[in-house]
Structure formats: structure tokens, C-alpha cells
Amino acid sequence: MSGRSLKDLEPGQKARVAKVSGIGSIKRRILDMGLVPGSEIEMERYAPFGDPVEIKLKGYHLSLRKEEAENIILE
């Protein structure tokens, strides 16, 4: 899965976060939610128009905007 972003996962797929890119408040929000390198995530579903995406992280359900998901690079 090298070089793929979170938005490339299909529902039910799992992956590990390799890197969080982005700048300023977007990157800070992602990191504050616990999406840090090494975290394992599972894609749960996409909203009807692809925004937001819903993931599971450490047993919690999180919603991210598509632009945030593009900043999460997977291993």
C-alpha cells in the first residue's frame, strides 16, 4: 500500500499510517485525533458523495473530510 492515502482505501480495508502531510490547522487536527505514524486504521465507509469518510481508530469512530484523508499517507 506504499504511497497511498487514506482516501484510497475501500470500506473494510485496514492500513497503518506512515506519514501525515499537510500544513497548519489541518495537520494539527489530524494529529490531535490520534492519526499519527504507526497507527492502524480501518476504513468504515464513505458518505454518499465521498465526503466525509468514516474510519475506525483504536476502537473509536472518526469522520474526516476528504481533504484531510488525502493528507494521511499509508504504509
N, C-alpha and C. Protein backbone atom coordinates (compact mmCIF):
# COMPACT_ATOMS: atom_id res chain seq x y z
N MET A 1 0.82 -1.21 0.00
CA MET A 1 0.00 0.00 0.00
C MET A 1 0.86 1.26 0.00
N SER A 2 2.12 1.14 -0.24
CA SER A 2 3.03 2.25 -0.16
C SER A 2 2.61 3.43 -1.04
N GLY A 3 2.63 4.63 -0.45
CA GLY A 3 2.32 5.83 -1.19
C GLY A 3 0.85 6.14 -1.36
N ARG A 4 -0.01 5.29 -0.86
CA ARG A 4 -1.45 5.54 -0.97
C ARG A 4 -1.91 6.41 0.18
N SER A 5 -2.97 7.14 -0.06
CA SER A 5 -3.54 7.95 1.02
C SER A 5 -4.79 7.26 1.56
N LEU A 6 -5.25 7.74 2.68
CA LEU A 6 -6.42 7.17 3.34
C LEU A 6 -7.63 7.16 2.41
N LYS A 7 -7.77 8.16 1.57
CA LYS A 7 -8.94 8.22 0.68
C LYS A 7 -8.93 7.11 -0.37
N ASP A 8 -7.80 6.41 -0.53
CA ASP A 8 -7.70 5.31 -1.49
C ASP A 8 -8.17 3.97 -0.94
N LEU A 9 -8.41 3.88 0.37
CA LEU A 9 -8.87 2.62 0.96
C LEU A 9 -10.33 2.36 0.64
N GLU A 10 -10.65 1.10 0.51
CA GLU A 10 -12.03 0.67 0.33
C GLU A 10 -12.60 0.31 1.69
N PRO A 11 -13.92 0.43 1.87
CA PRO A 11 -14.52 0.03 3.14
C PRO A 11 -14.11 -1.39 3.53
N GLY A 12 -13.72 -1.54 4.80
CA GLY A 12 -13.28 -2.83 5.32
C GLY A 12 -11.78 -3.03 5.28
N GLN A 13 -11.06 -2.25 4.48
CA GLN A 13 -9.61 -2.40 4.41
C GLN A 13 -8.96 -1.74 5.61
N LYS A 14 -7.84 -2.33 6.03
CA LYS A 14 -7.05 -1.79 7.13
C LYS A 14 -5.68 -1.40 6.60
N ALA A 15 -5.07 -0.43 7.27
CA ALA A 15 -3.73 0.02 6.89
C ALA A 15 -3.09 0.71 8.08
N ARG A 16 -1.80 0.94 7.96
CA ARG A 16 -1.05 1.64 9.00
C ARG A 16 -0.62 3.00 8.46
N VAL A 17 -0.73 4.02 9.29
CA VAL A 17 -0.33 5.38 8.90
C VAL A 17 1.19 5.45 8.82
N ALA A 18 1.70 5.93 7.68
CA ALA A 18 3.14 6.11 7.51
C ALA A 18 3.55 7.55 7.78
N LYS A 19 2.69 8.50 7.36
CA LYS A 19 3.07 9.92 7.44
C LYS A 19 1.81 10.77 7.38
N VAL A 20 1.86 11.89 8.06
CA VAL A 20 0.78 12.88 7.95
C VAL A 20 1.38 14.12 7.31
N SER A 21 0.85 14.48 6.15
CA SER A 21 1.33 15.68 5.47
C SER A 21 0.33 16.80 5.71
N GLY A 22 0.44 17.86 4.96
CA GLY A 22 -0.45 18.99 5.17
C GLY A 22 0.23 20.05 6.01
N ILE A 23 -0.45 21.18 6.14
CA ILE A 23 0.14 22.28 6.90
C ILE A 23 -0.87 22.84 7.89
N GLY A 24 -0.35 23.52 8.87
CA GLY A 24 -1.18 24.28 9.80
C GLY A 24 -2.26 23.51 10.51
N SER A 25 -3.46 24.09 10.51
CA SER A 25 -4.56 23.56 11.31
C SER A 25 -5.05 22.20 10.83
N ILE A 26 -4.94 21.91 9.53
CA ILE A 26 -5.38 20.60 9.04
C ILE A 26 -4.48 19.51 9.62
N LYS A 27 -3.18 19.69 9.54
CA LYS A 27 -2.25 18.69 10.07
C LYS A 27 -2.42 18.56 11.57
N ARG A 28 -2.56 19.67 12.28
CA ARG A 28 -2.72 19.64 13.74
C ARG A 28 -3.98 18.87 14.12
N ARG A 29 -5.08 19.11 13.42
CA ARG A 29 -6.34 18.41 13.71
C ARG A 29 -6.18 16.91 13.53
N ILE A 30 -5.53 16.50 12.45
CA ILE A 30 -5.31 15.08 12.18
C ILE A 30 -4.49 14.45 13.30
N LEU A 31 -3.39 15.09 13.67
CA LEU A 31 -2.54 14.56 14.72
C LEU A 31 -3.25 14.54 16.07
N ASP A 32 -4.03 15.57 16.35
CA ASP A 32 -4.77 15.63 17.62
C ASP A 32 -5.80 14.51 17.75
N MET A 33 -6.30 14.01 16.63
CA MET A 33 -7.26 12.90 16.67
C MET A 33 -6.57 11.57 16.92
N GLY A 34 -5.25 11.56 16.92
CA GLY A 34 -4.52 10.32 17.16
C GLY A 34 -4.05 9.62 15.90
N LEU A 35 -4.24 10.26 14.77
CA LEU A 35 -3.77 9.69 13.50
C LEU A 35 -2.30 10.05 13.32
N VAL A 36 -1.46 9.28 13.97
CA VAL A 36 -0.02 9.52 13.96
C VAL A 36 0.66 8.34 13.28
N PRO A 37 1.89 8.53 12.78
CA PRO A 37 2.60 7.40 12.16
C PRO A 37 2.61 6.18 13.07
N GLY A 38 2.31 5.03 12.47
CA GLY A 38 2.26 3.77 13.22
C GLY A 38 0.86 3.37 13.63
N SER A 39 -0.10 4.30 13.59
CA SER A 39 -1.49 3.98 13.97
C SER A 39 -2.12 3.08 12.94
N GLU A 40 -2.86 2.07 13.40
CA GLU A 40 -3.60 1.21 12.49
C GLU A 40 -5.03 1.72 12.38
N ILE A 41 -5.51 1.86 11.16
CA ILE A 41 -6.85 2.37 10.92
C ILE A 41 -7.62 1.39 10.03
N GLU A 42 -8.95 1.50 10.08
CA GLU A 42 -9.80 0.71 9.21
C GLU A 42 -10.82 1.65 8.57
N MET A 43 -10.93 1.58 7.25
CA MET A 43 -11.93 2.38 6.55
C MET A 43 -13.30 1.76 6.81
N GLU A 44 -14.23 2.56 7.28
CA GLU A 44 -15.58 2.05 7.52
C GLU A 44 -16.50 2.34 6.35
N ARG A 45 -16.60 3.63 5.97
CA ARG A 45 -17.48 3.94 4.85
C ARG A 45 -17.23 5.36 4.37
N TYR A 46 -17.73 5.60 3.16
CA TYR A 46 -17.74 6.93 2.57
C TYR A 46 -19.17 7.44 2.59
N ALA A 47 -19.34 8.72 2.83
CA ALA A 47 -20.66 9.33 2.72
C ALA A 47 -21.08 9.26 1.24
N PRO A 48 -22.37 9.44 0.94
CA PRO A 48 -22.85 9.29 -0.44
C PRO A 48 -22.05 10.06 -1.51
N PHE A 49 -21.58 11.23 -1.21
CA PHE A 49 -20.81 11.99 -2.20
C PHE A 49 -19.31 11.95 -1.91
N GLY A 50 -18.88 10.99 -1.06
CA GLY A 50 -17.46 10.80 -0.77
C GLY A 50 -16.90 11.70 0.31
N ASP A 51 -17.73 12.50 0.93
CA ASP A 51 -17.25 13.42 1.95
C ASP A 51 -18.32 13.57 3.02
N PRO A 52 -18.09 13.21 4.25
CA PRO A 52 -16.81 12.78 4.82
C PRO A 52 -16.59 11.28 4.68
N VAL A 53 -15.38 10.86 5.10
CA VAL A 53 -15.07 9.44 5.19
C VAL A 53 -15.11 9.08 6.67
N GLU A 54 -15.49 7.85 6.96
CA GLU A 54 -15.55 7.40 8.34
C GLU A 54 -14.57 6.26 8.52
N ILE A 55 -13.76 6.37 9.58
CA ILE A 55 -12.75 5.37 9.87
C ILE A 55 -12.88 4.90 11.31
N LYS A 56 -12.20 3.80 11.60
CA LYS A 56 -12.10 3.32 12.97
C LYS A 56 -10.64 3.38 13.37
N LEU A 57 -10.37 3.97 14.54
CA LEU A 57 -9.02 4.12 15.06
C LEU A 57 -9.06 3.80 16.54
N LYS A 58 -8.34 2.76 16.95
CA LYS A 58 -8.27 2.38 18.37
C LYS A 58 -9.66 2.18 18.97
N GLY A 59 -10.57 1.62 18.20
CA GLY A 59 -11.92 1.35 18.69
C GLY A 59 -12.87 2.54 18.60
N TYR A 60 -12.38 3.69 18.17
CA TYR A 60 -13.22 4.88 18.05
C TYR A 60 -13.59 5.11 16.59
N HIS A 61 -14.75 5.67 16.36
CA HIS A 61 -15.21 6.00 15.01
C HIS A 61 -14.96 7.49 14.78
N LEU A 62 -14.26 7.80 13.71
CA LEU A 62 -13.92 9.18 13.38
C LEU A 62 -14.42 9.53 11.99
N SER A 63 -14.81 10.76 11.80
CA SER A 63 -15.18 11.27 10.48
C SER A 63 -14.15 12.30 10.07
N LEU A 64 -13.69 12.18 8.84
CA LEU A 64 -12.71 13.12 8.28
C LEU A 64 -13.22 13.67 6.97
N ARG A 65 -12.89 14.92 6.71
CA ARG A 65 -13.18 15.47 5.40
C ARG A 65 -12.24 14.83 4.39
N LYS A 66 -12.67 14.79 3.13
CA LYS A 66 -11.86 14.17 2.08
C LYS A 66 -10.49 14.84 1.99
N GLU A 67 -10.43 16.16 2.14
CA GLU A 67 -9.14 16.86 2.06
C GLU A 67 -8.21 16.45 3.20
N GLU A 68 -8.77 16.12 4.37
CA GLU A 68 -7.94 15.63 5.47
C GLU A 68 -7.44 14.22 5.16
N ALA A 69 -8.31 13.37 4.63
CA ALA A 69 -7.93 12.00 4.30
C ALA A 69 -6.80 11.95 3.27
N GLU A 70 -6.77 12.91 2.37
CA GLU A 70 -5.70 12.96 1.36
C GLU A 70 -4.34 13.23 1.98
N ASN A 71 -4.30 13.80 3.18
CA ASN A 71 -3.06 14.13 3.86
C ASN A 71 -2.51 13.00 4.72
N ILE A 72 -3.22 11.87 4.78
CA ILE A 72 -2.79 10.74 5.58
C ILE A 72 -2.23 9.68 4.63
N ILE A 73 -0.90 9.53 4.66
CA ILE A 73 -0.20 8.61 3.76
C ILE A 73 -0.03 7.27 4.49
N LEU A 74 -0.33 6.19 3.77
CA LEU A 74 -0.32 4.85 4.37
C LEU A 74 0.93 4.06 3.97
N GLU A 75 1.29 3.11 4.84
CA GLU A 75 2.42 2.21 4.55
C GLU A 75 2.02 1.23 3.47
